[in-house]
Amino acid sequence: DIAPPLLILGLRAPVLPLGMPRAALRWFAHRGWIG
C-alpha cells in the first residue's frame, strides 16, 4: 500500500516513456509479450 504508489509516481511520464530504450519501450507498450 505504501511502496507501489511511490514507485509509480516516480515512473510517470516523462521517466518511463522517455527513460527506457526505444526497443524496450516497444516491447512494453502492448507490442511485445511483456506489454
PDB file of all heavy atoms in Angstrom:
ATOM      1  N   ASP A   1       0.798  -1.232   0.000  1.00  0.00           N
ATOM      2  CA  ASP A   1       0.000   0.000   0.000  1.00  0.00           C
ATOM      3  C   ASP A   1       0.828   1.278   0.000  1.00  0.00           C
ATOM      4  O   ASP A   1       0.302   2.334  -0.352  1.00  0.00           O
ATOM      5  CB  ASP A   1      -0.919  -0.001   1.226  1.00  0.00           C
ATOM      6  CG  ASP A   1      -2.321   0.459   0.883  1.00  0.00           C
ATOM      7  OD1 ASP A   1      -2.715   0.319  -0.279  1.00  0.00           O
ATOM      8  OD2 ASP A   1      -3.017   0.958   1.783  1.00  0.00           O
ATOM      9  N   ILE A   2       2.077   1.207   0.426  1.00  0.00           N
ATOM     10  CA  ILE A   2       2.902   2.411   0.504  1.00  0.00           C
ATOM     11  C   ILE A   2       3.946   2.454  -0.618  1.00  0.00           C
ATOM     12  O   ILE A   2       4.057   3.449  -1.344  1.00  0.00           O
ATOM     13  CB  ILE A   2       3.615   2.516   1.879  1.00  0.00           C
ATOM     14  CG1 ILE A   2       2.592   2.453   3.023  1.00  0.00           C
ATOM     15  CG2 ILE A   2       4.422   3.804   1.953  1.00  0.00           C
ATOM     16  CD1 ILE A   2       1.585   3.565   3.015  1.00  0.00           C
ATOM     17  N   ALA A   3       4.697   1.376  -0.777  1.00  0.00           N
ATOM     18  CA  ALA A   3       5.749   1.358  -1.798  1.00  0.00           C
ATOM     19  C   ALA A   3       5.218   1.465  -3.229  1.00  0.00           C
ATOM     20  O   ALA A   3       5.772   2.232  -4.025  1.00  0.00           O
ATOM     21  CB  ALA A   3       6.611   0.101  -1.638  1.00  0.00           C
ATOM     22  N   PRO A   4       4.157   0.730  -3.620  1.00  0.00           N
ATOM     23  CA  PRO A   4       3.709   0.790  -5.022  1.00  0.00           C
ATOM     24  C   PRO A   4       3.362   2.183  -5.532  1.00  0.00           C
ATOM     25  O   PRO A   4       3.861   2.582  -6.601  1.00  0.00           O
ATOM     26  CB  PRO A   4       2.495  -0.153  -5.040  1.00  0.00           C
ATOM     27  CG  PRO A   4       2.799  -1.155  -3.991  1.00  0.00           C
ATOM     28  CD  PRO A   4       3.449  -0.349  -2.887  1.00  0.00           C
ATOM     29  N   PRO A   5       2.526   2.978  -4.830  1.00  0.00           N
ATOM     30  CA  PRO A   5       2.233   4.302  -5.393  1.00  0.00           C
ATOM     31  C   PRO A   5       3.460   5.203  -5.464  1.00  0.00           C
ATOM     32  O   PRO A   5       3.582   6.018  -6.393  1.00  0.00           O
ATOM     33  CB  PRO A   5       1.179   4.874  -4.435  1.00  0.00           C
ATOM     34  CG  PRO A   5       1.320   4.100  -3.173  1.00  0.00           C
ATOM     35  CD  PRO A   5       1.750   2.736  -3.602  1.00  0.00           C
ATOM     36  N   LEU A   6       4.391   5.071  -4.514  1.00  0.00           N
ATOM     37  CA  LEU A   6       5.601   5.878  -4.570  1.00  0.00           C
ATOM     38  C   LEU A   6       6.435   5.521  -5.794  1.00  0.00           C
ATOM     39  O   LEU A   6       6.932   6.407  -6.514  1.00  0.00           O
ATOM     40  CB  LEU A   6       6.428   5.677  -3.296  1.00  0.00           C
ATOM     41  CG  LEU A   6       5.841   6.273  -2.010  1.00  0.00           C
ATOM     42  CD1 LEU A   6       6.663   5.836  -0.798  1.00  0.00           C
ATOM     43  CD2 LEU A   6       5.781   7.794  -2.092  1.00  0.00           C
ATOM     44  N   LEU A   7       6.587   4.235  -6.062  1.00  0.00           N
ATOM     45  CA  LEU A   7       7.356   3.809  -7.231  1.00  0.00           C
ATOM     46  C   LEU A   7       6.701   4.275  -8.530  1.00  0.00           C
ATOM     47  O   LEU A   7       7.382   4.758  -9.447  1.00  0.00           O
ATOM     48  CB  LEU A   7       7.496   2.287  -7.232  1.00  0.00           C
ATOM     49  CG  LEU A   7       8.308   1.681  -6.086  1.00  0.00           C
ATOM     50  CD1 LEU A   7       8.220   0.158  -6.112  1.00  0.00           C
ATOM     51  CD2 LEU A   7       9.773   2.126  -6.158  1.00  0.00           C
ATOM     52  N   ILE A   8       5.390   4.153  -8.607  1.00  0.00           N
ATOM     53  CA  ILE A   8       4.696   4.535  -9.839  1.00  0.00           C
ATOM     54  C   ILE A   8       4.725   6.046 -10.038  1.00  0.00           C
ATOM     55  O   ILE A   8       4.855   6.532 -11.171  1.00  0.00           O
ATOM     56  CB  ILE A   8       3.255   3.996  -9.812  1.00  0.00           C
ATOM     57  CG1 ILE A   8       3.284   2.464  -9.861  1.00  0.00           C
ATOM     58  CG2 ILE A   8       2.454   4.530 -10.990  1.00  0.00           C
ATOM     59  CD1 ILE A   8       1.938   1.811  -9.667  1.00  0.00           C
ATOM     60  N   LEU A   9       4.622   6.819  -8.959  1.00  0.00           N
ATOM     61  CA  LEU A   9       4.757   8.271  -9.083  1.00  0.00           C
ATOM     62  C   LEU A   9       6.131   8.641  -9.643  1.00  0.00           C
ATOM     63  O   LEU A   9       6.266   9.590 -10.416  1.00  0.00           O
ATOM     64  CB  LEU A   9       4.551   8.941  -7.721  1.00  0.00           C
ATOM     65  CG  LEU A   9       3.108   9.038  -7.226  1.00  0.00           C
ATOM     66  CD1 LEU A   9       3.073   9.539  -5.778  1.00  0.00           C
ATOM     67  CD2 LEU A   9       2.293   9.977  -8.122  1.00  0.00           C
ATOM     68  N   GLY A  10       7.148   7.884  -9.264  1.00  0.00           N
ATOM     69  CA  GLY A  10       8.477   8.136  -9.799  1.00  0.00           C
ATOM     70  C   GLY A  10       8.642   7.730 -11.244  1.00  0.00           C
ATOM     71  O   GLY A  10       9.510   8.248 -11.948  1.00  0.00           O
ATOM     72  N   LEU A  11       7.803   6.810 -11.720  1.00  0.00           N
ATOM     73  CA  LEU A  11       7.918   6.305 -13.089  1.00  0.00           C
ATOM     74  C   LEU A  11       7.041   7.056 -14.085  1.00  0.00           C
ATOM     75  O   LEU A  11       7.194   6.854 -15.297  1.00  0.00           O
ATOM     76  CB  LEU A  11       7.534   4.822 -13.115  1.00  0.00           C
ATOM     77  CG  LEU A  11       8.501   3.856 -12.428  1.00  0.00           C
ATOM     78  CD1 LEU A  11       7.896   2.467 -12.362  1.00  0.00           C
ATOM     79  CD2 LEU A  11       9.847   3.825 -13.145  1.00  0.00           C
ATOM     80  N   ARG A  12       6.149   7.902 -13.591  1.00  0.00           N
ATOM     81  CA  ARG A  12       5.214   8.546 -14.515  1.00  0.00           C
ATOM     82  C   ARG A  12       5.964   9.423 -15.516  1.00  0.00           C
ATOM     83  O   ARG A  12       7.108   9.809 -15.294  1.00  0.00           O
ATOM     84  CB  ARG A  12       4.165   9.349 -13.746  1.00  0.00           C
ATOM     85  CG  ARG A  12       4.658  10.618 -13.092  1.00  0.00           C
ATOM     86  CD  ARG A  12       3.590  11.192 -12.153  1.00  0.00           C
ATOM     87  NE  ARG A  12       3.930  12.525 -11.705  1.00  0.00           N
ATOM     88  CZ  ARG A  12       4.779  12.791 -10.721  1.00  0.00           C
ATOM     89  NH1 ARG A  12       5.375  11.798 -10.086  1.00  0.00           N
ATOM     90  NH2 ARG A  12       5.030  14.050 -10.372  1.00  0.00           N
ATOM     91  N   ALA A  13       5.293   9.722 -16.613  1.00  0.00           N
ATOM     92  CA  ALA A  13       5.911  10.493 -17.693  1.00  0.00           C
ATOM     93  C   ALA A  13       6.534  11.779 -17.149  1.00  0.00           C
ATOM     94  O   ALA A  13       5.966  12.405 -16.240  1.00  0.00           O
ATOM     95  CB  ALA A  13       4.851  10.832 -18.749  1.00  0.00           C
ATOM     96  N   PRO A  14       7.739  12.114 -17.659  1.00  0.00           N
ATOM     97  CA  PRO A  14       8.420  11.546 -18.827  1.00  0.00           C
ATOM     98  C   PRO A  14       9.379  10.401 -18.527  1.00  0.00           C
ATOM     99  O   PRO A  14      10.040   9.919 -19.440  1.00  0.00           O
ATOM    100  CB  PRO A  14       9.206  12.747 -19.340  1.00  0.00           C
ATOM    101  CG  PRO A  14       9.609  13.473 -18.095  1.00  0.00           C
ATOM    102  CD  PRO A  14       8.452  13.318 -17.145  1.00  0.00           C
ATOM    103  N   VAL A  15       9.504   9.956 -17.276  1.00  0.00           N
ATOM    104  CA  VAL A  15      10.548   8.993 -16.950  1.00  0.00           C
ATOM    105  C   VAL A  15      10.354   7.679 -17.694  1.00  0.00           C
ATOM    106  O   VAL A  15      11.268   7.190 -18.369  1.00  0.00           O
ATOM    107  CB  VAL A  15      10.601   8.748 -15.426  1.00  0.00           C
ATOM    108  CG1 VAL A  15      11.578   7.628 -15.102  1.00  0.00           C
ATOM    109  CG2 VAL A  15      11.003  10.025 -14.701  1.00  0.00           C
ATOM    110  N   LEU A  16       9.181   7.066 -17.579  1.00  0.00           N
ATOM    111  CA  LEU A  16       9.003   5.754 -18.180  1.00  0.00           C
ATOM    112  C   LEU A  16       8.992   5.805 -19.709  1.00  0.00           C
ATOM    113  O   LEU A  16       9.707   5.030 -20.348  1.00  0.00           O
ATOM    114  CB  LEU A  16       7.726   5.104 -17.645  1.00  0.00           C
ATOM    115  CG  LEU A  16       7.593   3.603 -17.881  1.00  0.00           C
ATOM    116  CD1 LEU A  16       8.795   2.862 -17.311  1.00  0.00           C
ATOM    117  CD2 LEU A  16       6.319   3.065 -17.243  1.00  0.00           C
ATOM    118  N   PRO A  17       8.231   6.707 -20.342  1.00  0.00           N
ATOM    119  CA  PRO A  17       8.236   6.677 -21.814  1.00  0.00           C
ATOM    120  C   PRO A  17       9.544   7.140 -22.437  1.00  0.00           C
ATOM    121  O   PRO A  17       9.914   6.658 -23.510  1.00  0.00           O
ATOM    122  CB  PRO A  17       7.075   7.610 -22.190  1.00  0.00           C
ATOM    123  CG  PRO A  17       6.871   8.478 -21.010  1.00  0.00           C
ATOM    124  CD  PRO A  17       7.233   7.649 -19.818  1.00  0.00           C
ATOM    125  N   LEU A  18      10.249   8.064 -21.801  1.00  0.00           N
ATOM    126  CA  LEU A  18      11.484   8.588 -22.390  1.00  0.00           C
ATOM    127  C   LEU A  18      12.741   7.963 -21.798  1.00  0.00           C
ATOM    128  O   LEU A  18      13.811   8.041 -22.399  1.00  0.00           O
ATOM    129  CB  LEU A  18      11.558  10.108 -22.223  1.00  0.00           C
ATOM    130  CG  LEU A  18      10.500  10.923 -22.953  1.00  0.00           C
ATOM    131  CD1 LEU A  18      10.713  12.416 -22.715  1.00  0.00           C
ATOM    132  CD2 LEU A  18      10.521  10.627 -24.450  1.00  0.00           C
ATOM    133  N   GLY A  19      12.619   7.364 -20.634  1.00  0.00           N
ATOM    134  CA  GLY A  19      13.794   6.827 -19.967  1.00  0.00           C
ATOM    135  C   GLY A  19      14.162   5.423 -20.388  1.00  0.00           C
ATOM    136  O   GLY A  19      15.299   4.990 -20.205  1.00  0.00           O
ATOM    137  N   MET A  20      13.220   4.707 -20.987  1.00  0.00           N
ATOM    138  CA  MET A  20      13.509   3.356 -21.445  1.00  0.00           C
ATOM    139  C   MET A  20      14.116   3.394 -22.843  1.00  0.00           C
ATOM    140  O   MET A  20      13.796   4.276 -23.650  1.00  0.00           O
ATOM    141  CB  MET A  20      12.233   2.514 -21.467  1.00  0.00           C
ATOM    142  CG  MET A  20      11.632   2.249 -20.104  1.00  0.00           C
ATOM    143  SD  MET A  20      10.085   1.299 -20.194  1.00  0.00           S
ATOM    144  CE  MET A  20      10.703  -0.283 -20.771  1.00  0.00           C
ATOM    145  N   PRO A  21      15.006   2.458 -23.154  1.00  0.00           N
ATOM    146  CA  PRO A  21      15.467   2.338 -24.544  1.00  0.00           C
ATOM    147  C   PRO A  21      14.272   2.130 -25.467  1.00  0.00           C
ATOM    148  O   PRO A  21      13.289   1.486 -25.097  1.00  0.00           O
ATOM    149  CB  PRO A  21      16.376   1.098 -24.508  1.00  0.00           C
ATOM    150  CG  PRO A  21      16.782   0.963 -23.081  1.00  0.00           C
ATOM    151  CD  PRO A  21      15.626   1.462 -22.268  1.00  0.00           C
ATOM    152  N   ARG A  22      14.351   2.669 -26.670  1.00  0.00           N
ATOM    153  CA  ARG A  22      13.193   2.602 -27.564  1.00  0.00           C
ATOM    154  C   ARG A  22      12.781   1.165 -27.856  1.00  0.00           C
ATOM    155  O   ARG A  22      11.590   0.852 -27.948  1.00  0.00           O
ATOM    156  CB  ARG A  22      13.507   3.349 -28.863  1.00  0.00           C
ATOM    157  CG  ARG A  22      13.545   4.866 -28.681  1.00  0.00           C
ATOM    158  CD  ARG A  22      13.705   5.590 -30.012  1.00  0.00           C
ATOM    159  NE  ARG A  22      13.591   7.027 -29.846  1.00  0.00           N
ATOM    160  CZ  ARG A  22      14.596   7.828 -29.536  1.00  0.00           C
ATOM    161  NH1 ARG A  22      15.809   7.308 -29.351  1.00  0.00           N
ATOM    162  NH2 ARG A  22      14.419   9.129 -29.398  1.00  0.00           N
ATOM    163  N   ALA A  23      13.755   0.280 -27.998  1.00  0.00           N
ATOM    164  CA  ALA A  23      13.415  -1.124 -28.271  1.00  0.00           C
ATOM    165  C   ALA A  23      12.652  -1.729 -27.095  1.00  0.00           C
ATOM    166  O   ALA A  23      11.655  -2.437 -27.282  1.00  0.00           O
ATOM    167  CB  ALA A  23      14.680  -1.930 -28.545  1.00  0.00           C
ATOM    168  N   ALA A  24      13.095  -1.421 -25.868  1.00  0.00           N
ATOM    169  CA  ALA A  24      12.418  -1.945 -24.689  1.00  0.00           C
ATOM    170  C   ALA A  24      11.024  -1.354 -24.555  1.00  0.00           C
ATOM    171  O   ALA A  24      10.075  -2.052 -24.166  1.00  0.00           O
ATOM    172  CB  ALA A  24      13.241  -1.642 -23.443  1.00  0.00           C
ATOM    173  N   LEU A  25      10.873  -0.071 -24.871  1.00  0.00           N
ATOM    174  CA  LEU A  25       9.565   0.568 -24.769  1.00  0.00           C
ATOM    175  C   LEU A  25       8.581  -0.053 -25.754  1.00  0.00           C
ATOM    176  O   LEU A  25       7.406  -0.228 -25.443  1.00  0.00           O
ATOM    177  CB  LEU A  25       9.683   2.069 -25.014  1.00  0.00           C
ATOM    178  CG  LEU A  25       8.391   2.878 -24.825  1.00  0.00           C
ATOM    179  CD1 LEU A  25       7.896   2.730 -23.394  1.00  0.00           C
ATOM    180  CD2 LEU A  25       8.611   4.343 -25.161  1.00  0.00           C
ATOM    181  N   ARG A  26       9.056  -0.408 -26.960  1.00  0.00           N
ATOM    182  CA  ARG A  26       8.167  -1.060 -27.926  1.00  0.00           C
ATOM    183  C   ARG A  26       7.658  -2.385 -27.378  1.00  0.00           C
ATOM    184  O   ARG A  26       6.502  -2.745 -27.566  1.00  0.00           O
ATOM    185  CB  ARG A  26       8.913  -1.271 -29.251  1.00  0.00           C
ATOM    186  CG  ARG A  26       9.062  -0.001 -30.092  1.00  0.00           C
ATOM    187  CD  ARG A  26       9.431  -0.337 -31.516  1.00  0.00           C
ATOM    188  NE  ARG A  26      10.727  -0.994 -31.607  1.00  0.00           N
ATOM    189  CZ  ARG A  26      11.883  -0.357 -31.748  1.00  0.00           C
ATOM    190  NH1 ARG A  26      11.901   0.964 -31.811  1.00  0.00           N
ATOM    191  NH2 ARG A  26      13.017  -1.020 -31.829  1.00  0.00           N
ATOM    192  N   TRP A  27       8.539  -3.109 -26.682  1.00  0.00           N
ATOM    193  CA  TRP A  27       8.122  -4.378 -26.088  1.00  0.00           C
ATOM    194  C   TRP A  27       7.123  -4.147 -24.956  1.00  0.00           C
ATOM    195  O   TRP A  27       6.212  -4.934 -24.754  1.00  0.00           O
ATOM    196  CB  TRP A  27       9.339  -5.132 -25.556  1.00  0.00           C
ATOM    197  CG  TRP A  27       9.999  -5.962 -26.605  1.00  0.00           C
ATOM    198  CD1 TRP A  27      11.011  -5.605 -27.432  1.00  0.00           C
ATOM    199  CD2 TRP A  27       9.654  -7.308 -26.970  1.00  0.00           C
ATOM    200  NE1 TRP A  27      11.332  -6.621 -28.278  1.00  0.00           N
ATOM    201  CE2 TRP A  27      10.523  -7.685 -28.018  1.00  0.00           C
ATOM    202  CE3 TRP A  27       8.710  -8.215 -26.502  1.00  0.00           C
ATOM    203  CZ2 TRP A  27      10.465  -8.940 -28.602  1.00  0.00           C
ATOM    204  CZ3 TRP A  27       8.651  -9.472 -27.087  1.00  0.00           C
ATOM    205  CH2 TRP A  27       9.520  -9.819 -28.130  1.00  0.00           C
ATOM    206  N   PHE A  28       7.296  -3.055 -24.242  1.00  0.00           N
ATOM    207  CA  PHE A  28       6.441  -2.796 -23.090  1.00  0.00           C
ATOM    208  C   PHE A  28       5.088  -2.244 -23.496  1.00  0.00           C
ATOM    209  O   PHE A  28       4.073  -2.554 -22.869  1.00  0.00           O
ATOM    210  CB  PHE A  28       7.141  -1.820 -22.146  1.00  0.00           C
ATOM    211  CG  PHE A  28       6.415  -1.637 -20.841  1.00  0.00           C
ATOM    212  CD1 PHE A  28       6.560  -2.570 -19.826  1.00  0.00           C
ATOM    213  CD2 PHE A  28       5.601  -0.546 -20.612  1.00  0.00           C
ATOM    214  CE1 PHE A  28       5.905  -2.422 -18.620  1.00  0.00           C
ATOM    215  CE2 PHE A  28       4.940  -0.382 -19.415  1.00  0.00           C
ATOM    216  CZ  PHE A  28       5.094  -1.325 -18.415  1.00  0.00           C
ATOM    217  N   ALA A  29       5.065  -1.428 -24.528  1.00  0.00           N
ATOM    218  CA  ALA A  29       3.850  -0.688 -24.881  1.00  0.00           C
ATOM    219  C   ALA A  29       2.879  -1.559 -25.686  1.00  0.00           C
ATOM    220  O   ALA A  29       2.483  -1.226 -26.798  1.00  0.00           O
ATOM    221  CB  ALA A  29       4.208   0.578 -25.658  1.00  0.00           C
ATOM    222  N   HIS A  30       2.514  -2.708 -25.143  1.00  0.00           N
ATOM    223  CA  HIS A  30       1.470  -3.573 -25.690  1.00  0.00           C
ATOM    224  C   HIS A  30       1.812  -4.118 -27.073  1.00  0.00           C
ATOM    225  O   HIS A  30       0.925  -4.519 -27.815  1.00  0.00           O
ATOM    226  CB  HIS A  30       0.120  -2.844 -25.739  1.00  0.00           C
ATOM    227  CG  HIS A  30      -0.325  -2.354 -24.405  1.00  0.00           C
ATOM    228  ND1 HIS A  30      -0.846  -3.190 -23.447  1.00  0.00           N
ATOM    229  CD2 HIS A  30      -0.299  -1.117 -23.842  1.00  0.00           C
ATOM    230  CE1 HIS A  30      -1.136  -2.486 -22.366  1.00  0.00           C
ATOM    231  NE2 HIS A  30      -0.804  -1.239 -22.574  1.00  0.00           N
ATOM    232  N   ARG A  31       3.107  -4.141 -27.447  1.00  0.00           N
ATOM    233  CA  ARG A  31       3.502  -4.706 -28.726  1.00  0.00           C
ATOM    234  C   ARG A  31       4.202  -6.047 -28.537  1.00  0.00           C
ATOM    235  O   ARG A  31       4.037  -6.960 -29.323  1.00  0.00           O
ATOM    236  CB  ARG A  31       4.423  -3.735 -29.472  1.00  0.00           C
ATOM    237  CG  ARG A  31       3.753  -2.394 -29.741  1.00  0.00           C
ATOM    238  CD  ARG A  31       4.697  -1.431 -30.430  1.00  0.00           C
ATOM    239  NE  ARG A  31       4.125  -0.094 -30.492  1.00  0.00           N
ATOM    240  CZ  ARG A  31       4.726   0.948 -31.020  1.00  0.00           C
ATOM    241  NH1 ARG A  31       5.932   0.828 -31.545  1.00  0.00           N
ATOM    242  NH2 ARG A  31       4.148   2.127 -31.030  1.00  0.00           N
ATOM    243  N   GLY A  32       5.021  -6.140 -27.508  1.00  0.00           N
ATOM    244  CA  GLY A  32       5.668  -7.402 -27.200  1.00  0.00           C
ATOM    245  C   GLY A  32       4.888  -8.150 -26.136  1.00  0.00           C
ATOM    246  O   GLY A  32       3.894  -7.670 -25.601  1.00  0.00           O
ATOM    247  N   TRP A  33       5.354  -9.347 -25.819  1.00  0.00           N
ATOM    248  CA  TRP A  33       4.607 -10.170 -24.862  1.00  0.00           C
ATOM    249  C   TRP A  33       4.609  -9.562 -23.471  1.00  0.00           C
ATOM    250  O   TRP A  33       3.634  -9.700 -22.725  1.00  0.00           O
ATOM    251  CB  TRP A  33       5.174 -11.589 -24.834  1.00  0.00           C
ATOM    252  CG  TRP A  33       6.553 -11.716 -24.261  1.00  0.00           C
ATOM    253  CD1 TRP A  33       7.736 -11.647 -24.937  1.00  0.00           C
ATOM    254  CD2 TRP A  33       6.890 -11.927 -22.897  1.00  0.00           C
ATOM    255  NE1 TRP A  33       8.800 -11.794 -24.088  1.00  0.00           N
ATOM    256  CE2 TRP A  33       8.305 -11.976 -22.819  1.00  0.00           C
ATOM    257  CE3 TRP A  33       6.157 -12.074 -21.726  1.00  0.00           C
ATOM    258  CZ2 TRP A  33       8.984 -12.165 -21.617  1.00  0.00           C
ATOM    259  CZ3 TRP A  33       6.828 -12.263 -20.531  1.00  0.00           C
ATOM    260  CH2 TRP A  33       8.218 -12.310 -20.482  1.00  0.00           C
ATOM    261  N   ILE A  34       5.696  -8.844 -23.101  1.00  0.00           N
ATOM    262  CA  ILE A  34       5.736  -8.212 -21.785  1.00  0.00           C
ATOM    263  C   ILE A  34       4.622  -7.175 -21.667  1.00  0.00           C
ATOM    264  O   ILE A  34       3.900  -7.104 -20.670  1.00  0.00           O
ATOM    265  CB  ILE A  34       7.107  -7.570 -21.528  1.00  0.00           C
ATOM    266  CG1 ILE A  34       8.204  -8.635 -21.520  1.00  0.00           C
ATOM    267  CG2 ILE A  34       7.100  -6.796 -20.212  1.00  0.00           C
ATOM    268  CD1 ILE A  34       9.605  -8.067 -21.364  1.00  0.00           C
ATOM    269  N   GLY A  35       4.503  -6.362 -22.711  1.00  0.00           N
ATOM    270  CA  GLY A  35       3.458  -5.342 -22.696  1.00  0.00           C
ATOM    271  C   GLY A  35       2.062  -5.939 -22.669  1.00  0.00           C
ATOM    272  O   GLY A  35       1.168  -5.430 -21.979  1.00  0.00           O
TER     273      GLY A  35
END
